[in-house]
N, C-alpha and C. Protein backbone atom coordinates (compact mmCIF):
# COMPACT_ATOMS: atom_id res chain seq x y z
N MET A 1 0.83 -1.20 0.00
CA MET A 1 0.00 0.00 0.00
C MET A 1 0.85 1.24 0.00
N LEU A 2 1.82 1.21 0.85
CA LEU A 2 2.71 2.35 0.89
C LEU A 2 3.97 2.02 0.12
N LYS A 3 4.18 2.71 -0.98
CA LYS A 3 5.27 2.35 -1.88
C LYS A 3 6.49 3.20 -1.59
N GLY A 4 7.64 2.64 -1.80
CA GLY A 4 8.89 3.39 -1.77
C GLY A 4 9.41 3.70 -0.40
N LEU A 5 8.86 3.14 0.66
CA LEU A 5 9.38 3.42 1.99
C LEU A 5 10.48 2.44 2.33
N LEU A 6 11.32 2.81 3.29
CA LEU A 6 12.38 1.93 3.73
C LEU A 6 11.80 0.75 4.48
N ALA A 7 12.62 -0.25 4.69
CA ALA A 7 12.12 -1.50 5.27
C ALA A 7 11.46 -1.29 6.62
N ALA A 8 12.04 -0.47 7.46
CA ALA A 8 11.47 -0.25 8.78
C ALA A 8 10.09 0.37 8.70
N VAL A 9 9.94 1.27 7.75
CA VAL A 9 8.64 1.92 7.57
C VAL A 9 7.63 0.91 7.05
N ALA A 10 8.07 0.07 6.13
CA ALA A 10 7.16 -0.92 5.57
C ALA A 10 6.65 -1.86 6.65
N ILE A 11 7.56 -2.29 7.55
CA ILE A 11 7.15 -3.16 8.64
C ILE A 11 6.15 -2.46 9.53
N ALA A 12 6.44 -1.19 9.81
CA ALA A 12 5.54 -0.44 10.67
C ALA A 12 4.17 -0.30 10.06
N CYS A 13 4.14 -0.10 8.76
CA CYS A 13 2.86 0.10 8.09
C CYS A 13 2.04 -1.17 8.04
N VAL A 14 2.74 -2.32 8.02
CA VAL A 14 2.01 -3.58 8.10
C VAL A 14 1.31 -3.68 9.44
N ILE A 15 2.03 -3.29 10.50
CA ILE A 15 1.44 -3.33 11.83
C ILE A 15 0.32 -2.31 11.95
N LEU A 16 0.41 -1.23 11.19
CA LEU A 16 -0.60 -0.17 11.24
C LEU A 16 -1.97 -0.68 10.88
N LEU A 17 -2.07 -1.71 10.06
CA LEU A 17 -3.37 -2.21 9.62
C LEU A 17 -3.83 -3.34 10.52
N ALA A 18 -5.08 -3.29 10.90
CA ALA A 18 -5.63 -4.38 11.70
C ALA A 18 -5.55 -5.68 10.93
N ALA A 19 -5.81 -5.61 9.66
CA ALA A 19 -5.56 -6.70 8.73
C ALA A 19 -5.25 -6.02 7.42
N THR A 20 -4.15 -6.39 6.79
CA THR A 20 -3.68 -5.64 5.64
C THR A 20 -4.62 -5.76 4.46
N ARG A 21 -4.45 -4.82 3.52
CA ARG A 21 -5.18 -4.88 2.26
C ARG A 21 -4.94 -6.23 1.62
N PRO A 22 -5.94 -6.82 0.98
CA PRO A 22 -5.75 -8.11 0.33
C PRO A 22 -4.51 -8.10 -0.56
N PRO A 23 -3.67 -9.15 -0.49
CA PRO A 23 -2.41 -9.14 -1.21
C PRO A 23 -2.57 -9.17 -2.71
N ALA A 24 -1.55 -8.68 -3.40
CA ALA A 24 -1.55 -8.75 -4.86
C ALA A 24 -1.59 -10.20 -5.29
N ALA A 25 -2.21 -10.44 -6.43
CA ALA A 25 -2.39 -11.81 -6.88
C ALA A 25 -1.09 -12.40 -7.41
N ASN A 26 -0.06 -11.60 -7.66
CA ASN A 26 1.21 -12.08 -8.18
C ASN A 26 2.32 -11.59 -7.27
N ALA A 27 3.20 -12.48 -6.82
CA ALA A 27 4.20 -12.12 -5.82
C ALA A 27 5.38 -11.37 -6.40
N SER A 28 5.77 -11.64 -7.67
CA SER A 28 6.98 -11.04 -8.21
C SER A 28 6.71 -9.71 -8.90
N CYS A 29 5.56 -9.56 -9.52
CA CYS A 29 5.16 -8.31 -10.15
C CYS A 29 3.80 -7.90 -9.60
N VAL A 30 3.54 -6.62 -9.66
CA VAL A 30 2.21 -6.16 -9.28
C VAL A 30 1.23 -6.63 -10.35
N ALA A 31 0.30 -7.50 -9.97
CA ALA A 31 -0.67 -8.02 -10.93
C ALA A 31 -1.58 -6.90 -11.38
N SER A 32 -1.72 -6.75 -12.67
CA SER A 32 -2.59 -5.70 -13.19
C SER A 32 -3.08 -6.08 -14.57
N VAL A 33 -4.22 -5.49 -14.93
CA VAL A 33 -4.76 -5.65 -16.28
C VAL A 33 -5.25 -4.30 -16.75
N ASN A 34 -5.40 -4.16 -18.05
CA ASN A 34 -5.96 -2.94 -18.63
C ASN A 34 -7.17 -3.34 -19.44
N TRP A 35 -8.30 -2.73 -19.12
CA TRP A 35 -9.54 -3.04 -19.83
C TRP A 35 -10.26 -1.73 -20.12
N GLY A 36 -10.55 -1.50 -21.39
CA GLY A 36 -11.25 -0.28 -21.77
C GLY A 36 -10.45 0.98 -21.49
N GLY A 37 -9.12 0.85 -21.50
CA GLY A 37 -8.27 2.01 -21.24
C GLY A 37 -8.10 2.33 -19.77
N VAL A 38 -8.63 1.47 -18.88
CA VAL A 38 -8.52 1.67 -17.43
C VAL A 38 -7.59 0.62 -16.85
N GLN A 39 -6.70 1.06 -15.96
CA GLN A 39 -5.77 0.15 -15.31
C GLN A 39 -6.39 -0.40 -14.03
N TYR A 40 -6.31 -1.71 -13.85
CA TYR A 40 -6.84 -2.38 -12.67
C TYR A 40 -5.70 -3.09 -11.94
N GLN A 41 -5.66 -2.97 -10.61
CA GLN A 41 -4.67 -3.65 -9.79
C GLN A 41 -5.24 -4.96 -9.26
N GLY A 42 -4.42 -6.00 -9.28
CA GLY A 42 -4.88 -7.33 -8.88
C GLY A 42 -4.83 -7.54 -7.38
N LEU A 43 -5.86 -8.22 -6.86
CA LEU A 43 -5.95 -8.59 -5.45
C LEU A 43 -6.32 -10.07 -5.36
N ALA A 44 -5.89 -10.71 -4.27
CA ALA A 44 -6.37 -12.07 -4.02
C ALA A 44 -7.84 -11.99 -3.67
N PRO A 45 -8.62 -13.03 -3.98
CA PRO A 45 -10.05 -13.00 -3.65
C PRO A 45 -10.25 -13.00 -2.14
N PRO A 46 -11.42 -12.54 -1.66
CA PRO A 46 -11.65 -12.50 -0.21
C PRO A 46 -11.60 -13.90 0.39
N LYS A 47 -10.95 -14.03 1.54
CA LYS A 47 -10.80 -15.34 2.17
C LYS A 47 -12.14 -15.82 2.72
N GLY A 48 -12.40 -17.09 2.47
CA GLY A 48 -13.59 -17.71 3.03
C GLY A 48 -14.89 -17.32 2.35
N ARG A 49 -14.80 -16.58 1.25
CA ARG A 49 -16.01 -16.17 0.55
C ARG A 49 -15.84 -16.45 -0.94
N LYS A 50 -16.87 -17.00 -1.53
CA LYS A 50 -16.83 -17.26 -2.97
C LYS A 50 -17.44 -16.09 -3.71
N LEU A 51 -16.73 -15.59 -4.70
CA LEU A 51 -17.24 -14.47 -5.47
C LEU A 51 -18.48 -14.88 -6.25
N SER A 52 -19.45 -13.99 -6.28
CA SER A 52 -20.62 -14.19 -7.11
C SER A 52 -20.37 -13.47 -8.42
N LEU A 53 -20.16 -14.25 -9.48
CA LEU A 53 -19.74 -13.68 -10.75
C LEU A 53 -20.92 -13.46 -11.69
N GLY A 54 -20.78 -12.44 -12.53
CA GLY A 54 -21.81 -12.12 -13.50
C GLY A 54 -21.36 -12.39 -14.92
N ALA A 55 -21.83 -11.57 -15.84
CA ALA A 55 -21.59 -11.79 -17.27
C ALA A 55 -20.12 -11.65 -17.62
N ARG A 56 -19.74 -12.34 -18.68
CA ARG A 56 -18.38 -12.21 -19.20
C ARG A 56 -18.24 -10.86 -19.90
N LEU A 57 -17.07 -10.28 -19.74
CA LEU A 57 -16.82 -8.94 -20.28
C LEU A 57 -15.86 -8.93 -21.46
N GLY A 58 -15.25 -10.07 -21.74
CA GLY A 58 -14.28 -10.11 -22.83
C GLY A 58 -12.86 -10.27 -22.31
N ARG A 59 -11.91 -9.70 -23.05
CA ARG A 59 -10.50 -9.88 -22.70
C ARG A 59 -9.90 -8.57 -22.21
N ALA A 60 -9.06 -8.67 -21.18
CA ALA A 60 -8.29 -7.54 -20.67
C ALA A 60 -6.82 -7.77 -20.99
N ARG A 61 -6.12 -6.70 -21.26
CA ARG A 61 -4.70 -6.80 -21.61
C ARG A 61 -3.85 -6.90 -20.35
N VAL A 62 -2.90 -7.83 -20.36
CA VAL A 62 -1.99 -8.03 -19.23
C VAL A 62 -0.59 -7.60 -19.67
N PRO A 63 -0.03 -6.54 -19.07
CA PRO A 63 1.30 -6.11 -19.48
C PRO A 63 2.35 -7.14 -19.06
N PRO A 64 3.47 -7.23 -19.77
CA PRO A 64 4.52 -8.20 -19.41
C PRO A 64 5.13 -7.85 -18.06
N CYS A 65 5.58 -8.88 -17.36
CA CYS A 65 6.22 -8.70 -16.05
C CYS A 65 7.71 -8.44 -16.27
N ILE A 66 8.16 -7.26 -15.84
CA ILE A 66 9.57 -6.91 -15.94
C ILE A 66 10.07 -6.62 -14.53
N ASP A 67 10.70 -7.61 -13.90
CA ASP A 67 11.15 -7.45 -12.52
C ASP A 67 12.62 -7.80 -12.35
N THR A 68 13.39 -7.70 -13.44
CA THR A 68 14.82 -7.97 -13.37
C THR A 68 15.61 -6.81 -13.96
N VAL A 69 16.86 -6.69 -13.54
CA VAL A 69 17.77 -5.67 -14.07
C VAL A 69 19.03 -6.39 -14.55
N PRO A 70 19.42 -6.18 -15.83
CA PRO A 70 18.73 -5.35 -16.82
C PRO A 70 17.42 -5.99 -17.28
N ALA A 71 16.57 -5.19 -17.90
CA ALA A 71 15.27 -5.68 -18.34
C ALA A 71 15.45 -6.73 -19.43
N PRO A 72 14.61 -7.75 -19.46
CA PRO A 72 14.70 -8.77 -20.51
C PRO A 72 14.26 -8.19 -21.85
N PRO A 73 14.50 -8.92 -22.93
CA PRO A 73 14.01 -8.45 -24.24
C PRO A 73 12.51 -8.18 -24.21
N ALA A 74 12.08 -7.27 -25.05
CA ALA A 74 10.67 -6.88 -25.08
C ALA A 74 9.77 -8.10 -25.25
N GLN A 75 8.72 -8.15 -24.46
CA GLN A 75 7.76 -9.25 -24.53
C GLN A 75 6.39 -8.70 -24.91
N PRO A 76 5.62 -9.47 -25.63
CA PRO A 76 4.28 -8.99 -26.02
C PRO A 76 3.32 -9.04 -24.85
N ASP A 77 2.30 -8.20 -24.90
CA ASP A 77 1.23 -8.29 -23.92
C ASP A 77 0.50 -9.62 -24.09
N THR A 78 -0.08 -10.08 -23.00
CA THR A 78 -0.97 -11.25 -23.07
C THR A 78 -2.38 -10.77 -22.71
N PHE A 79 -3.32 -11.69 -22.75
CA PHE A 79 -4.71 -11.30 -22.49
C PHE A 79 -5.34 -12.27 -21.51
N ARG A 80 -6.27 -11.75 -20.71
CA ARG A 80 -6.97 -12.55 -19.72
C ARG A 80 -8.46 -12.25 -19.82
N ARG A 81 -9.27 -13.30 -19.83
CA ARG A 81 -10.71 -13.10 -19.89
C ARG A 81 -11.24 -12.71 -18.51
N ILE A 82 -12.13 -11.76 -18.50
CA ILE A 82 -12.65 -11.24 -17.23
C ILE A 82 -14.17 -11.26 -17.20
N ARG A 83 -14.71 -11.16 -15.97
CA ARG A 83 -16.16 -11.19 -15.77
C ARG A 83 -16.55 -10.11 -14.77
N ARG A 84 -17.83 -9.81 -14.77
CA ARG A 84 -18.37 -8.91 -13.76
C ARG A 84 -18.38 -9.59 -12.40
N ILE A 85 -18.34 -8.80 -11.35
CA ILE A 85 -18.64 -9.26 -9.99
C ILE A 85 -20.04 -8.74 -9.67
N LYS A 86 -20.95 -9.62 -9.33
CA LYS A 86 -22.32 -9.20 -9.09
C LYS A 86 -22.38 -8.14 -7.99
N GLY A 87 -23.11 -7.08 -8.26
CA GLY A 87 -23.26 -6.01 -7.29
C GLY A 87 -22.17 -4.96 -7.35
N VAL A 88 -21.20 -5.14 -8.27
CA VAL A 88 -20.09 -4.20 -8.40
C VAL A 88 -20.00 -3.73 -9.85
N SER A 89 -19.98 -2.43 -10.07
CA SER A 89 -19.83 -1.93 -11.43
C SER A 89 -18.48 -2.36 -12.00
N PRO A 90 -18.44 -2.85 -13.25
CA PRO A 90 -17.15 -3.23 -13.85
C PRO A 90 -16.22 -2.04 -14.03
N ALA A 91 -16.74 -0.83 -13.95
CA ALA A 91 -15.87 0.34 -13.99
C ALA A 91 -15.05 0.47 -12.71
N ILE A 92 -15.45 -0.26 -11.66
CA ILE A 92 -14.79 -0.17 -10.36
C ILE A 92 -13.97 -1.42 -10.06
N ALA A 93 -14.49 -2.59 -10.42
CA ALA A 93 -13.75 -3.84 -10.18
C ALA A 93 -14.31 -4.95 -11.04
N VAL A 94 -13.44 -5.90 -11.41
CA VAL A 94 -13.82 -7.08 -12.19
C VAL A 94 -13.10 -8.28 -11.62
N SER A 95 -13.41 -9.46 -12.17
CA SER A 95 -12.76 -10.69 -11.75
C SER A 95 -12.27 -11.46 -12.97
N ASP A 96 -11.32 -12.37 -12.75
CA ASP A 96 -11.02 -13.29 -13.82
C ASP A 96 -12.18 -14.28 -13.95
N VAL A 97 -12.20 -15.09 -14.98
CA VAL A 97 -13.40 -15.90 -15.26
C VAL A 97 -13.66 -16.95 -14.19
N ARG A 98 -12.65 -17.35 -13.41
CA ARG A 98 -12.84 -18.38 -12.40
C ARG A 98 -12.96 -17.81 -10.99
N GLY A 99 -12.89 -16.51 -10.85
CA GLY A 99 -13.00 -15.90 -9.53
C GLY A 99 -11.78 -16.07 -8.67
N ARG A 100 -10.62 -16.30 -9.29
CA ARG A 100 -9.39 -16.51 -8.53
C ARG A 100 -8.62 -15.21 -8.28
N SER A 101 -8.95 -14.17 -9.03
CA SER A 101 -8.31 -12.87 -8.85
C SER A 101 -9.36 -11.78 -9.00
N VAL A 102 -9.22 -10.75 -8.20
CA VAL A 102 -10.07 -9.56 -8.29
C VAL A 102 -9.19 -8.43 -8.79
N TYR A 103 -9.72 -7.60 -9.68
CA TYR A 103 -8.98 -6.46 -10.22
C TYR A 103 -9.75 -5.18 -9.91
N ALA A 104 -9.10 -4.30 -9.15
CA ALA A 104 -9.73 -3.06 -8.71
C ALA A 104 -9.19 -1.89 -9.53
N ALA A 105 -10.09 -1.07 -10.07
CA ALA A 105 -9.68 0.06 -10.90
C ALA A 105 -8.89 1.07 -10.08
N GLU A 106 -7.81 1.57 -10.67
CA GLU A 106 -7.01 2.59 -10.02
C GLU A 106 -7.79 3.89 -9.91
N GLY A 107 -7.45 4.68 -8.91
CA GLY A 107 -8.08 5.98 -8.71
C GLY A 107 -9.12 5.98 -7.62
N TYR A 108 -9.66 4.80 -7.30
CA TYR A 108 -10.61 4.67 -6.19
C TYR A 108 -9.85 4.22 -4.94
N PHE A 109 -10.54 4.21 -3.81
CA PHE A 109 -9.87 3.92 -2.54
C PHE A 109 -10.62 2.82 -1.80
N LEU A 110 -10.00 1.63 -1.77
CA LEU A 110 -10.63 0.50 -1.11
C LEU A 110 -10.78 0.72 0.38
N THR A 111 -9.99 1.59 0.96
CA THR A 111 -10.05 1.84 2.39
C THR A 111 -11.34 2.52 2.81
N LEU A 112 -12.03 3.17 1.87
CA LEU A 112 -13.25 3.90 2.21
C LEU A 112 -14.45 2.95 2.26
N PRO A 113 -15.29 3.07 3.27
CA PRO A 113 -16.45 2.17 3.39
C PRO A 113 -17.40 2.22 2.19
N SER A 114 -17.38 3.32 1.43
CA SER A 114 -18.27 3.43 0.28
C SER A 114 -17.84 2.57 -0.90
N HIS A 115 -16.59 2.11 -0.90
CA HIS A 115 -16.11 1.27 -2.00
C HIS A 115 -16.72 -0.12 -1.88
N PRO A 116 -17.31 -0.67 -2.95
CA PRO A 116 -17.99 -1.97 -2.82
C PRO A 116 -17.08 -3.11 -2.42
N LEU A 117 -15.79 -3.05 -2.74
CA LEU A 117 -14.90 -4.13 -2.31
C LEU A 117 -14.63 -4.07 -0.81
N ASN A 118 -14.76 -2.89 -0.23
CA ASN A 118 -14.60 -2.77 1.22
C ASN A 118 -15.62 -3.66 1.92
N HIS A 119 -16.84 -3.64 1.42
CA HIS A 119 -17.89 -4.48 2.00
C HIS A 119 -17.65 -5.94 1.65
N LEU A 120 -17.19 -6.21 0.45
CA LEU A 120 -16.99 -7.58 0.00
C LEU A 120 -15.92 -8.28 0.83
N TYR A 121 -14.84 -7.58 1.11
CA TYR A 121 -13.75 -8.17 1.89
C TYR A 121 -13.98 -8.07 3.39
N GLY A 122 -14.86 -7.15 3.81
CA GLY A 122 -15.08 -6.92 5.22
C GLY A 122 -14.36 -5.65 5.65
N ALA A 123 -15.12 -4.75 6.28
CA ALA A 123 -14.57 -3.44 6.63
C ALA A 123 -13.34 -3.55 7.52
N ARG A 124 -13.26 -4.59 8.35
CA ARG A 124 -12.13 -4.72 9.27
C ARG A 124 -10.81 -4.93 8.53
N SER A 125 -10.88 -5.35 7.27
CA SER A 125 -9.65 -5.52 6.50
C SER A 125 -8.96 -4.20 6.21
N PHE A 126 -9.67 -3.08 6.38
CA PHE A 126 -9.13 -1.80 5.97
C PHE A 126 -9.05 -0.79 7.11
N LEU A 127 -9.42 -1.18 8.33
CA LEU A 127 -9.40 -0.23 9.44
C LEU A 127 -7.99 -0.03 9.97
N LEU A 128 -7.63 1.22 10.22
CA LEU A 128 -6.35 1.50 10.84
C LEU A 128 -6.39 1.04 12.29
N SER A 129 -5.34 0.39 12.71
CA SER A 129 -5.28 -0.13 14.07
C SER A 129 -4.72 0.94 15.02
N LYS A 130 -5.55 1.37 15.97
CA LYS A 130 -5.11 2.39 16.92
C LYS A 130 -3.98 1.88 17.81
N THR A 131 -3.89 0.56 17.99
CA THR A 131 -2.87 0.02 18.87
C THR A 131 -1.47 0.22 18.32
N SER A 132 -1.32 0.48 17.02
CA SER A 132 0.01 0.64 16.43
C SER A 132 0.39 2.10 16.29
N ILE A 133 -0.51 3.03 16.67
CA ILE A 133 -0.24 4.46 16.55
C ILE A 133 0.11 5.03 17.91
N ARG A 134 1.26 5.67 17.98
CA ARG A 134 1.68 6.29 19.23
C ARG A 134 0.98 7.62 19.42
N SER A 135 0.95 8.43 18.38
CA SER A 135 0.31 9.74 18.48
C SER A 135 0.05 10.31 17.09
N CYS A 136 -0.89 11.24 17.00
CA CYS A 136 -1.18 11.95 15.75
C CYS A 136 -1.36 13.43 16.07
N LYS A 137 -0.96 14.26 15.13
CA LYS A 137 -1.07 15.69 15.32
C LYS A 137 -1.41 16.34 13.99
N ALA A 138 -2.40 17.24 14.01
CA ALA A 138 -2.78 17.93 12.78
C ALA A 138 -1.61 18.75 12.25
N ARG A 139 -1.46 18.74 10.92
CA ARG A 139 -0.39 19.49 10.27
C ARG A 139 -1.01 20.39 9.21
N PRO A 140 -0.24 21.37 8.71
CA PRO A 140 -0.77 22.22 7.63
C PRO A 140 -1.18 21.39 6.42
N SER A 141 -2.20 21.86 5.73
CA SER A 141 -2.68 21.15 4.54
C SER A 141 -1.57 21.02 3.51
N VAL A 142 -1.60 19.92 2.77
CA VAL A 142 -0.66 19.69 1.68
C VAL A 142 -1.37 20.03 0.37
N ARG A 143 -0.75 20.87 -0.44
CA ARG A 143 -1.31 21.25 -1.73
C ARG A 143 -0.39 20.77 -2.83
N GLY A 144 -0.97 20.21 -3.87
CA GLY A 144 -0.13 19.73 -4.95
C GLY A 144 -0.93 19.08 -6.06
N ARG A 145 -0.18 18.40 -6.94
CA ARG A 145 -0.77 17.74 -8.11
C ARG A 145 -0.60 16.23 -7.95
N VAL A 146 -1.70 15.50 -8.16
CA VAL A 146 -1.71 14.05 -7.98
C VAL A 146 -0.85 13.38 -9.05
N THR A 147 -0.03 12.42 -8.64
CA THR A 147 0.79 11.65 -9.57
C THR A 147 0.39 10.17 -9.61
N GLY A 148 -0.49 9.75 -8.73
CA GLY A 148 -0.92 8.35 -8.70
C GLY A 148 -1.27 7.92 -7.30
N GLY A 149 -1.22 6.60 -7.09
CA GLY A 149 -1.52 6.05 -5.78
C GLY A 149 -2.60 5.00 -5.85
N PHE A 150 -2.52 4.03 -4.94
CA PHE A 150 -3.52 2.98 -4.82
C PHE A 150 -3.73 2.76 -3.33
N ASP A 151 -4.89 3.18 -2.83
CA ASP A 151 -5.17 3.24 -1.39
C ASP A 151 -4.36 4.33 -0.69
N SER A 152 -3.66 5.13 -1.46
CA SER A 152 -2.94 6.28 -0.93
C SER A 152 -2.94 7.36 -2.02
N ILE A 153 -2.57 8.57 -1.62
CA ILE A 153 -2.49 9.67 -2.58
C ILE A 153 -1.01 10.01 -2.75
N ASN A 154 -0.49 9.80 -3.95
CA ASN A 154 0.86 10.24 -4.27
C ASN A 154 0.75 11.56 -5.01
N LEU A 155 1.55 12.55 -4.58
CA LEU A 155 1.48 13.85 -5.24
C LEU A 155 2.82 14.56 -5.16
N ILE A 156 2.96 15.58 -6.01
CA ILE A 156 4.08 16.51 -5.93
C ILE A 156 3.52 17.80 -5.34
N ASP A 157 4.05 18.20 -4.18
CA ASP A 157 3.49 19.38 -3.53
C ASP A 157 4.01 20.66 -4.18
N ASP A 158 3.53 21.80 -3.69
CA ASP A 158 3.86 23.08 -4.32
C ASP A 158 5.34 23.43 -4.19
N ARG A 159 6.06 22.71 -3.34
CA ARG A 159 7.51 22.92 -3.21
C ARG A 159 8.32 21.93 -4.04
N GLY A 160 7.61 21.11 -4.81
CA GLY A 160 8.29 20.15 -5.66
C GLY A 160 8.66 18.85 -4.98
N ARG A 161 8.17 18.61 -3.78
CA ARG A 161 8.50 17.39 -3.05
C ARG A 161 7.47 16.31 -3.30
N ALA A 162 7.96 15.07 -3.46
CA ALA A 162 7.06 13.93 -3.60
C ALA A 162 6.52 13.57 -2.22
N ARG A 163 5.20 13.42 -2.12
CA ARG A 163 4.56 13.09 -0.85
C ARG A 163 3.64 11.90 -1.06
N GLU A 164 3.51 11.09 -0.03
CA GLU A 164 2.56 9.98 -0.04
C GLU A 164 1.68 10.11 1.19
N ILE A 165 0.38 10.08 0.98
CA ILE A 165 -0.57 10.32 2.05
C ILE A 165 -1.53 9.13 2.14
N THR A 166 -1.57 8.51 3.30
CA THR A 166 -2.45 7.37 3.51
C THR A 166 -3.91 7.84 3.58
N VAL A 167 -4.79 7.10 2.93
CA VAL A 167 -6.22 7.40 2.99
C VAL A 167 -6.86 6.45 4.00
N SER A 168 -7.32 7.01 5.11
CA SER A 168 -7.94 6.20 6.15
C SER A 168 -9.44 6.04 5.84
N PRO A 169 -10.11 5.11 6.52
CA PRO A 169 -11.55 4.95 6.29
C PRO A 169 -12.37 6.18 6.65
N HIS A 170 -11.78 7.10 7.41
CA HIS A 170 -12.51 8.28 7.88
C HIS A 170 -12.25 9.51 7.02
N ALA A 171 -11.44 9.39 5.99
CA ALA A 171 -11.13 10.55 5.14
C ALA A 171 -12.39 11.02 4.42
N ARG A 172 -12.53 12.34 4.29
CA ARG A 172 -13.69 12.93 3.61
C ARG A 172 -13.22 13.54 2.28
N PHE A 173 -13.97 13.26 1.22
CA PHE A 173 -13.67 13.79 -0.10
C PHE A 173 -14.74 14.80 -0.50
N HIS A 174 -14.29 15.90 -1.08
CA HIS A 174 -15.20 16.95 -1.53
C HIS A 174 -14.91 17.25 -3.01
N GLY A 175 -15.90 17.02 -3.86
CA GLY A 175 -15.77 17.45 -5.25
C GLY A 175 -15.09 16.48 -6.19
N PHE A 176 -14.62 15.34 -5.71
CA PHE A 176 -13.97 14.35 -6.58
C PHE A 176 -14.79 13.08 -6.57
N LEU A 177 -15.67 12.92 -7.54
CA LEU A 177 -16.50 11.73 -7.61
C LEU A 177 -16.50 11.17 -9.03
N ARG A 178 -16.50 9.85 -9.10
CA ARG A 178 -16.71 9.15 -10.36
C ARG A 178 -17.48 7.87 -10.05
N ASN A 179 -18.52 7.62 -10.81
CA ASN A 179 -19.39 6.48 -10.54
C ASN A 179 -19.90 6.50 -9.09
N GLY A 180 -20.09 7.71 -8.57
CA GLY A 180 -20.63 7.87 -7.23
C GLY A 180 -19.65 7.64 -6.10
N LEU A 181 -18.35 7.46 -6.43
CA LEU A 181 -17.34 7.18 -5.41
C LEU A 181 -16.21 8.21 -5.47
N PRO A 182 -15.55 8.48 -4.33
CA PRO A 182 -14.35 9.33 -4.38
C PRO A 182 -13.33 8.77 -5.37
N PHE A 183 -12.76 9.67 -6.18
CA PHE A 183 -11.86 9.23 -7.25
C PHE A 183 -10.85 10.34 -7.53
N LEU A 184 -9.59 9.96 -7.67
CA LEU A 184 -8.55 10.90 -8.06
C LEU A 184 -7.78 10.32 -9.25
N GLN A 185 -7.36 11.20 -10.15
CA GLN A 185 -6.55 10.77 -11.28
C GLN A 185 -5.33 11.66 -11.40
N THR A 186 -4.34 11.17 -12.12
CA THR A 186 -3.11 11.92 -12.32
C THR A 186 -3.42 13.30 -12.90
N GLY A 187 -2.83 14.32 -12.29
CA GLY A 187 -3.02 15.69 -12.74
C GLY A 187 -4.01 16.48 -11.91
N ASP A 188 -4.86 15.80 -11.13
CA ASP A 188 -5.79 16.53 -10.27
C ASP A 188 -5.02 17.40 -9.28
N ARG A 189 -5.47 18.62 -9.11
CA ARG A 189 -4.87 19.52 -8.12
C ARG A 189 -5.72 19.48 -6.86
N VAL A 190 -5.07 19.18 -5.74
CA VAL A 190 -5.80 18.91 -4.51
C VAL A 190 -5.24 19.70 -3.33
N ARG A 191 -6.09 19.85 -2.35
CA ARG A 191 -5.68 20.36 -1.03
C ARG A 191 -6.07 19.28 -0.02
N VAL A 192 -5.09 18.73 0.66
CA VAL A 192 -5.35 17.61 1.57
C VAL A 192 -5.07 18.05 3.00
N ALA A 193 -6.11 18.07 3.82
CA ALA A 193 -5.92 18.30 5.25
C ALA A 193 -5.36 17.02 5.84
N VAL A 194 -4.25 17.10 6.56
CA VAL A 194 -3.54 15.90 7.00
C VAL A 194 -3.25 15.96 8.50
N LYS A 195 -2.95 14.80 9.01
CA LYS A 195 -2.34 14.69 10.34
C LYS A 195 -1.12 13.81 10.20
N LYS A 196 -0.10 14.11 10.98
CA LYS A 196 1.10 13.29 10.98
C LYS A 196 1.02 12.33 12.16
N CYS A 197 1.13 11.05 11.87
CA CYS A 197 1.02 10.03 12.91
C CYS A 197 2.38 9.36 13.12
N VAL A 198 2.72 9.17 14.37
CA VAL A 198 3.94 8.46 14.75
C VAL A 198 3.54 7.06 15.18
N LEU A 199 4.13 6.06 14.52
CA LEU A 199 3.82 4.67 14.85
C LEU A 199 4.69 4.21 16.00
N ARG A 200 4.32 3.12 16.61
CA ARG A 200 5.04 2.64 17.79
C ARG A 200 6.46 2.19 17.46
N LEU A 201 6.72 1.86 16.21
CA LEU A 201 8.08 1.51 15.81
C LEU A 201 8.89 2.74 15.38
N GLY A 202 8.28 3.92 15.50
CA GLY A 202 9.01 5.16 15.22
C GLY A 202 8.78 5.76 13.86
N ALA A 203 8.17 5.02 12.94
CA ALA A 203 7.92 5.57 11.60
C ALA A 203 6.87 6.67 11.68
N ARG A 204 6.96 7.62 10.74
CA ARG A 204 6.00 8.72 10.66
C ARG A 204 5.31 8.68 9.30
N ILE A 205 4.01 8.82 9.31
CA ILE A 205 3.25 8.82 8.06
C ILE A 205 2.25 9.98 8.09
N LEU A 206 1.88 10.44 6.90
CA LEU A 206 0.81 11.42 6.76
C LEU A 206 -0.50 10.69 6.47
N VAL A 207 -1.55 11.10 7.16
CA VAL A 207 -2.87 10.49 6.99
C VAL A 207 -3.85 11.58 6.58
N ALA A 208 -4.60 11.31 5.52
CA ALA A 208 -5.57 12.30 5.02
C ALA A 208 -6.76 12.41 5.95
N ARG A 209 -7.13 13.66 6.25
CA ARG A 209 -8.38 13.93 6.99
C ARG A 209 -9.48 14.33 6.03
N SER A 210 -9.15 15.15 5.04
CA SER A 210 -10.11 15.54 4.01
C SER A 210 -9.36 15.91 2.75
N VAL A 211 -10.05 15.76 1.61
CA VAL A 211 -9.46 16.04 0.30
C VAL A 211 -10.42 16.94 -0.46
N ALA A 212 -9.90 18.04 -1.00
CA ALA A 212 -10.74 18.99 -1.73
C ALA A 212 -9.95 19.52 -2.92
N PRO A 213 -10.65 20.02 -3.95
CA PRO A 213 -9.94 20.60 -5.10
C PRO A 213 -9.27 21.91 -4.71
N ARG A 214 -8.21 22.25 -5.43
CA ARG A 214 -7.53 23.54 -5.24
C ARG A 214 -8.41 24.67 -5.69
């Protein structure tokens, strides 16, 4: 969830979650597909629950896995057949044809209770654990341009610094909606009210309190 942090921070962030976000479906590369020009990130299916699948949607493009240095010779894209998940718009999430992988569209936030996968996996999978937080303190709002993020907001602030802001289940969004859900895309200019939280292992993270347009 939190990309690019040092090992100590990564460990702390794992403890930060009562139960971590469902793992990526592929261990060596981030599992992803592209369907209809939208990028979807792969997740393992919810434990102990069988997905209720709907109509077939056709084929999604799977980019080649490049996880070695130097990069291997260029490889062609492959394709994977996908289906609807009943009760979930395919613009938000889809499944492979056997229900073994779930693909969530980028730009939405699974941590928010309004996201349909939050309910599918169980809200407790996304709640921040208070037992791992030593303290939090409100900080000045961060203003900048969104560069990406999945369950977090990655942006370049007005001083040119790269920032990563965790989206908690309690974050409020104003003015950014798509398909009825909070949504951010690359290039959006935002003002994020934040608090800085110190974890019990000493790591510090920024947590979004509210998100609004500039």
